Amino acid sequence: MKIIVAIDGSPSSRHALQALAHLAPPEEFVLVHAIAIPDFNYAMISPDLRTEIQAEMEAKLRKEGEGILSQAREKLPSDFPQVQKIHQIGHPVDVILETARSSKSHLIILGARGLGAFKELVLGSTSHRVLMHAPCSTMVIKEPVPRLKKILLPVEGEEDIAIALQFLARQPFREPVDIDVIAVWPQPQLAWPITLGQTKLLEMKAIEAAQDRMTSVTDRLTRMNYSSQTKVGMGDPAFAILEQAKASEADMILMGTHGRGGLARFLIGSVSNSVLHQADCPVLIVR
């Protein structure tokens, strides 16, 4: 597996580095640090002075960035491969995404600074924007990850199941993990008139179909040498996932994006975004 970790020297990026202790050594590993230089394009600043200020700023930021990269290198697991360091001028989102595309990475790991859902949706953040446009799976970490033993895997349909199983087939974790597979039927409002009996019948058939799908998932996980359990419920999917994560003391939530496009996800929100905003544990969005 090819992994990218984006770092900026913040506590959240240090948490991202610490999480690497729970991952199997990758085939290729890249540390990314972006240098965002202010424009200083003001009328009262002459072109010559602007050039001088920007050059001084770039030199200072490059020196700080080299220090951040060197410190990060020292914190990596000893069995990780030779590290490639990307130290580039540009907006962090652009640098991270371009690095992921050019290196054909399988996973981006980055910290989140803990912005609230409203601020993230209105202002945007590096983690939020990378998640929307990433060409590969993305793990967002808010807090330290002291262990990785229990994973919650919410599933909806065959597409996101296939993507999640494909990722898990890479055996990305250093130690064996238990996987709780959960499916939540959202109980959509049906057109009136409909009887209570018809509603109950629909619910029963939906639960039966979900259980059959879950059995197929756990069978495939067993063949990959994962230990797994299943849970089926009804209600609001995001709420149910978050509550189950607390109940099972999940160390990570692994889930798909269900194919929602970037713009729609930004404006409307999705189950994965709701979980990402509110979950305390790391969230791994697979693609």
Protein backbone atom coordinates (compact mmCIF):
# COMPACT_ATOMS: atom_id res chain seq x y z
CA MET A 1 0.00 0.00 0.00
CA LYS A 2 1.14 3.56 -0.75
CA ILE A 3 0.52 6.06 2.07
CA ILE A 4 0.73 9.86 2.28
CA VAL A 5 0.74 11.75 5.57
CA ALA A 6 0.18 15.51 5.47
CA ILE A 7 1.92 17.40 8.27
CA ASP A 8 2.06 21.02 9.38
CA GLY A 9 3.54 20.78 12.88
CA SER A 10 0.15 21.06 14.59
CA PRO A 11 -1.01 18.66 17.35
CA SER A 12 -3.50 17.06 14.95
CA SER A 13 -0.77 16.27 12.41
CA ARG A 14 1.29 14.74 15.24
CA HIS A 15 -1.71 12.52 16.04
CA ALA A 16 -1.73 11.45 12.38
CA LEU A 17 1.93 10.43 12.64
CA GLN A 18 1.29 8.52 15.86
CA ALA A 19 -1.50 6.54 14.16
CA LEU A 20 1.07 5.03 11.79
CA ALA A 21 2.17 2.73 14.61
CA HIS A 22 -1.05 0.76 14.03
CA LEU A 23 -0.58 0.33 10.28
CA ALA A 24 1.40 -2.30 8.40
CA PRO A 25 4.57 -1.01 6.75
CA PRO A 26 3.59 0.40 3.34
CA GLU A 27 5.27 -0.22 0.01
CA GLU A 28 5.84 3.51 -0.41
CA PHE A 29 5.55 6.33 2.10
CA VAL A 30 5.40 10.10 1.55
CA LEU A 31 5.49 13.00 4.00
CA VAL A 32 3.91 16.17 2.62
CA HIS A 33 4.38 19.71 3.88
CA ALA A 34 3.00 22.67 1.93
CA ILE A 35 4.32 26.22 2.11
CA ALA A 36 1.56 28.80 1.78
CA ILE A 37 3.15 32.21 1.14
CA PRO A 38 0.96 35.34 1.54
CA ASP A 39 0.51 37.43 -1.61
CA PHE A 40 1.31 40.88 -0.12
CA ASN A 41 -0.37 42.38 -3.19
CA TYR A 42 -1.15 45.77 -1.63
CA ALA A 43 -1.04 49.16 -3.36
CA MET A 44 1.18 50.71 -0.68
CA ILE A 45 3.86 48.05 -1.17
CA SER A 46 6.14 48.55 -4.17
CA PRO A 47 6.91 45.59 -6.45
CA ASP A 48 10.55 45.50 -5.34
CA LEU A 49 9.63 45.50 -1.66
CA ARG A 50 6.94 42.87 -2.28
CA THR A 51 9.49 40.60 -3.95
CA GLU A 52 11.95 41.09 -1.09
CA ILE A 53 9.32 40.36 1.59
CA GLN A 54 8.09 37.24 -0.20
CA ALA A 55 11.65 35.94 -0.62
CA GLU A 56 12.34 36.43 3.10
CA MET A 57 9.04 34.80 4.00
CA GLU A 58 9.72 31.82 1.72
CA ALA A 59 13.19 31.29 3.20
CA LYS A 60 11.79 31.38 6.73
CA LEU A 61 8.91 29.03 5.96
CA ARG A 62 11.16 26.59 4.10
CA LYS A 63 13.50 26.40 7.09
CA GLU A 64 10.57 25.81 9.45
CA GLY A 65 9.15 23.21 7.09
CA GLU A 66 12.43 21.30 6.90
CA GLY A 67 12.44 21.18 10.69
CA ILE A 68 8.87 19.84 10.75
CA LEU A 69 9.73 17.16 8.16
CA SER A 70 12.87 16.11 10.04
CA GLN A 71 10.99 15.81 13.34
CA ALA A 72 8.23 13.81 11.63
CA ARG A 73 10.77 11.43 10.11
CA GLU A 74 12.12 10.64 13.58
CA LYS A 75 8.64 9.66 14.82
CA LEU A 76 7.96 7.05 12.14
CA PRO A 77 7.94 3.32 12.95
CA SER A 78 11.40 1.83 12.49
CA ASP A 79 10.24 -0.69 9.88
CA PHE A 80 8.75 1.89 7.52
CA PRO A 81 10.45 2.13 4.11
CA GLN A 82 12.56 4.95 2.76
CA VAL A 83 10.60 8.17 3.16
CA GLN A 84 9.93 10.54 0.30
CA LYS A 85 9.55 14.15 1.45
CA ILE A 86 7.44 16.65 -0.49
CA HIS A 87 8.16 20.25 0.50
CA GLN A 88 6.34 22.46 -1.95
CA ILE A 89 4.96 25.98 -2.27
CA GLY A 90 1.20 26.06 -2.70
CA HIS A 91 -2.11 25.70 -0.92
CA PRO A 92 -2.01 22.61 1.32
CA VAL A 93 -5.10 21.08 -0.33
CA ASP A 94 -3.64 21.44 -3.82
CA VAL A 95 -0.25 20.05 -2.78
CA ILE A 96 -1.77 17.05 -0.96
CA LEU A 97 -4.15 16.15 -3.80
CA GLU A 98 -1.52 16.54 -6.52
CA THR A 99 0.90 14.37 -4.53
CA ALA A 100 -1.77 11.69 -4.09
CA ARG A 101 -2.55 11.69 -7.81
CA SER A 102 1.04 11.67 -9.03
CA SER A 103 2.12 8.93 -6.64
CA LYS A 104 -1.07 6.89 -7.18
CA SER A 105 -1.47 6.59 -3.42
CA HIS A 106 -3.95 4.27 -1.73
CA LEU A 107 -4.35 6.27 1.50
CA ILE A 108 -4.04 9.88 2.67
CA ILE A 109 -3.75 10.44 6.43
CA LEU A 110 -4.17 13.90 7.91
CA GLY A 111 -5.23 15.54 11.12
CA ALA A 112 -8.30 17.70 11.60
CA ARG A 113 -8.06 20.87 13.65
CA GLY A 114 -11.45 20.28 15.25
CA LEU A 115 -13.56 22.89 13.49
CA GLY A 116 -17.26 22.52 14.14
CA ALA A 117 -19.56 21.22 11.43
CA PHE A 118 -20.97 24.69 10.68
CA LYS A 119 -17.55 26.31 10.28
CA GLU A 120 -16.31 23.45 8.10
CA LEU A 121 -19.29 23.62 5.79
CA VAL A 122 -19.19 27.40 5.45
CA LEU A 123 -15.46 28.14 5.50
CA GLY A 124 -13.94 24.86 4.50
CA SER A 125 -10.88 23.24 6.05
CA THR A 126 -7.93 21.34 4.68
CA SER A 127 -9.21 17.98 5.90
CA HIS A 128 -12.74 18.62 4.67
CA ARG A 129 -11.64 19.71 1.19
CA VAL A 130 -9.11 16.91 0.81
CA LEU A 131 -11.81 14.42 1.79
CA MET A 132 -14.19 15.79 -0.85
CA HIS A 133 -11.72 15.64 -3.72
CA ALA A 134 -9.23 12.91 -2.80
CA PRO A 135 -8.55 10.30 -5.51
CA CYS A 136 -8.03 7.61 -2.87
CA SER A 137 -9.07 6.59 0.63
CA THR A 138 -8.65 9.25 3.35
CA MET A 139 -8.19 8.87 7.10
CA VAL A 140 -9.01 11.92 9.24
CA ILE A 141 -7.70 11.98 12.82
CA LYS A 142 -8.72 14.44 15.53
CA GLU A 143 -7.32 12.87 18.69
CA PRO A 144 -4.46 10.49 19.64
CA VAL A 145 -5.03 6.85 18.64
CA PRO A 146 -3.75 4.79 21.60
CA ARG A 147 -4.91 1.48 20.11
CA LEU A 148 -6.54 -0.02 17.03
CA LYS A 149 -8.37 -3.21 17.94
CA LYS A 150 -12.02 -2.56 17.07
CA ILE A 151 -13.33 -1.18 13.76
CA LEU A 152 -16.91 -0.22 12.99
CA LEU A 153 -17.84 -0.86 9.36
CA PRO A 154 -21.20 0.67 8.31
CA VAL A 155 -22.47 -0.72 4.99
CA GLU A 156 -25.34 0.28 2.72
CA GLY A 157 -25.12 -1.39 -0.68
CA GLU A 158 -22.96 -3.67 -2.77
CA GLU A 159 -20.84 -0.78 -4.10
CA ASP A 160 -19.57 0.48 -0.76
CA ILE A 161 -19.24 -3.10 0.55
CA ALA A 162 -17.00 -4.02 -2.38
CA ILE A 163 -14.83 -0.91 -1.89
CA ALA A 164 -14.45 -1.52 1.86
CA LEU A 165 -13.57 -5.19 1.38
CA GLN A 166 -11.07 -4.32 -1.33
CA PHE A 167 -9.33 -1.95 1.10
CA LEU A 168 -9.38 -4.49 3.94
CA ALA A 169 -7.99 -7.17 1.62
CA ARG A 170 -4.75 -5.17 1.57
CA GLN A 171 -4.31 -6.12 5.24
CA PRO A 172 -3.51 -2.49 6.14
CA PHE A 173 -3.34 -2.94 9.93
CA ARG A 174 -0.31 -4.05 11.90
CA GLU A 175 -2.21 -6.15 14.46
CA PRO A 176 -5.41 -8.25 14.11
CA VAL A 177 -8.60 -6.20 14.42
CA ASP A 178 -12.22 -7.08 15.18
CA ILE A 179 -14.79 -5.63 12.80
CA ASP A 180 -18.38 -4.78 13.75
CA VAL A 181 -20.42 -4.61 10.55
CA ILE A 182 -23.55 -2.47 10.86
CA ALA A 183 -26.44 -1.81 8.47
CA VAL A 184 -29.09 0.79 9.23
CA TRP A 185 -32.41 0.98 7.37
CA PRO A 186 -33.39 4.69 7.32
CA GLN A 187 -37.20 4.07 7.38
CA PRO A 188 -38.20 6.37 4.50
CA GLN A 189 -41.63 7.99 4.54
CA LEU A 190 -43.94 6.12 2.20
CA ALA A 191 -46.69 7.61 0.06
CA TRP A 192 -50.08 7.76 1.78
CA PRO A 193 -52.30 5.75 2.12
CA ILE A 194 -50.50 2.74 3.53
CA THR A 195 -51.53 0.42 6.32
CA LEU A 196 -49.57 -0.32 9.45
CA GLY A 197 -49.36 -3.94 8.33
CA GLN A 198 -47.77 -2.98 5.04
CA THR A 199 -45.25 -0.81 6.87
CA LYS A 200 -44.30 -3.65 9.21
CA LEU A 201 -43.99 -6.05 6.28
CA LEU A 202 -41.69 -3.64 4.47
CA GLU A 203 -39.55 -3.21 7.56
CA MET A 204 -39.32 -6.98 8.05
CA LYS A 205 -38.26 -7.57 4.44
CA ALA A 206 -35.69 -4.76 4.66
CA ILE A 207 -34.20 -6.27 7.83
CA GLU A 208 -34.09 -9.74 6.26
CA ALA A 209 -32.36 -8.40 3.14
CA ALA A 210 -29.83 -6.52 5.30
CA GLN A 211 -29.10 -9.63 7.37
CA ASP A 212 -28.49 -11.68 4.23
CA ARG A 213 -26.12 -9.01 2.94
CA MET A 214 -24.33 -8.87 6.29
CA THR A 215 -23.82 -12.63 6.33
CA SER A 216 -22.16 -12.37 2.94
CA VAL A 217 -19.88 -9.61 4.26
CA THR A 218 -18.81 -11.52 7.37
CA ASP A 219 -18.16 -14.65 5.32
CA ARG A 220 -15.78 -12.69 3.10
CA LEU A 221 -14.12 -11.06 6.12
CA THR A 222 -13.60 -14.48 7.67
CA ARG A 223 -11.81 -15.62 4.52
CA MET A 224 -9.51 -12.60 4.97
CA ASN A 225 -8.79 -13.75 8.56
CA TYR A 226 -10.79 -10.96 10.20
CA SER A 227 -13.01 -11.56 13.22
CA SER A 228 -16.39 -9.89 12.68
CA GLN A 229 -19.88 -9.47 14.10
CA THR A 230 -23.03 -8.01 12.56
CA LYS A 231 -25.69 -5.57 13.73
CA VAL A 232 -28.84 -4.48 11.87
CA GLY A 233 -31.07 -1.60 12.93
CA MET A 234 -33.49 1.10 11.83
CA GLY A 235 -33.40 4.87 12.23
CA ASP A 236 -31.20 7.77 11.23
CA PRO A 237 -28.02 6.20 9.79
CA ALA A 238 -25.53 8.82 11.01
CA PHE A 239 -26.98 8.83 14.54
CA ALA A 240 -27.05 5.03 14.66
CA ILE A 241 -23.43 4.76 13.48
CA LEU A 242 -22.20 7.26 16.06
CA GLU A 243 -24.13 5.59 18.87
CA GLN A 244 -22.87 2.14 17.86
CA ALA A 245 -19.30 3.46 17.75
CA LYS A 246 -19.68 4.58 21.36
CA ALA A 247 -21.42 1.37 22.47
CA SER A 248 -18.81 -0.91 20.91
CA GLU A 249 -15.92 1.39 21.89
CA ALA A 250 -14.74 1.48 18.29
CA ASP A 251 -11.19 2.68 17.72
CA MET A 252 -12.00 3.61 14.10
CA ILE A 253 -14.99 3.99 11.78
CA LEU A 254 -14.38 2.75 8.23
CA MET A 255 -17.00 3.66 5.65
CA GLY A 256 -17.67 4.58 2.04
CA THR A 257 -18.98 7.83 0.57
CA HIS A 258 -21.87 6.09 -1.25
CA GLY A 259 -20.94 7.81 -4.49
CA ARG A 260 -22.14 11.30 -3.60
CA GLY A 261 -20.32 13.95 -5.65
CA GLY A 262 -18.14 16.62 -4.09
CA LEU A 263 -20.44 19.58 -4.69
CA ALA A 264 -23.55 17.74 -3.50
CA ARG A 265 -21.70 16.49 -0.45
CA PHE A 266 -20.54 20.04 0.35
CA LEU A 267 -23.98 21.63 0.02
CA ILE A 268 -26.25 18.88 1.31
CA GLY A 269 -24.12 16.73 3.58
CA SER A 270 -23.99 12.94 3.64
CA VAL A 271 -23.89 10.19 6.23
CA SER A 272 -20.11 10.02 5.94
CA ASN A 273 -19.72 13.76 6.46
CA SER A 274 -22.08 13.77 9.45
CA VAL A 275 -20.10 10.96 11.03
CA LEU A 276 -16.80 12.67 10.26
CA HIS A 277 -17.90 15.90 11.94
CA GLN A 278 -19.16 14.25 15.11
CA ALA A 279 -17.08 11.12 15.69
CA ASP A 280 -14.39 11.23 18.36
CA CYS A 281 -12.41 8.34 16.87
CA PRO A 282 -10.60 8.41 13.49
CA VAL A 283 -12.78 8.08 10.41
CA LEU A 284 -11.44 6.28 7.35
CA ILE A 285 -13.38 7.05 4.15
CA VAL A 286 -12.60 4.42 1.55
CA ARG A 287 -12.72 4.87 -2.22
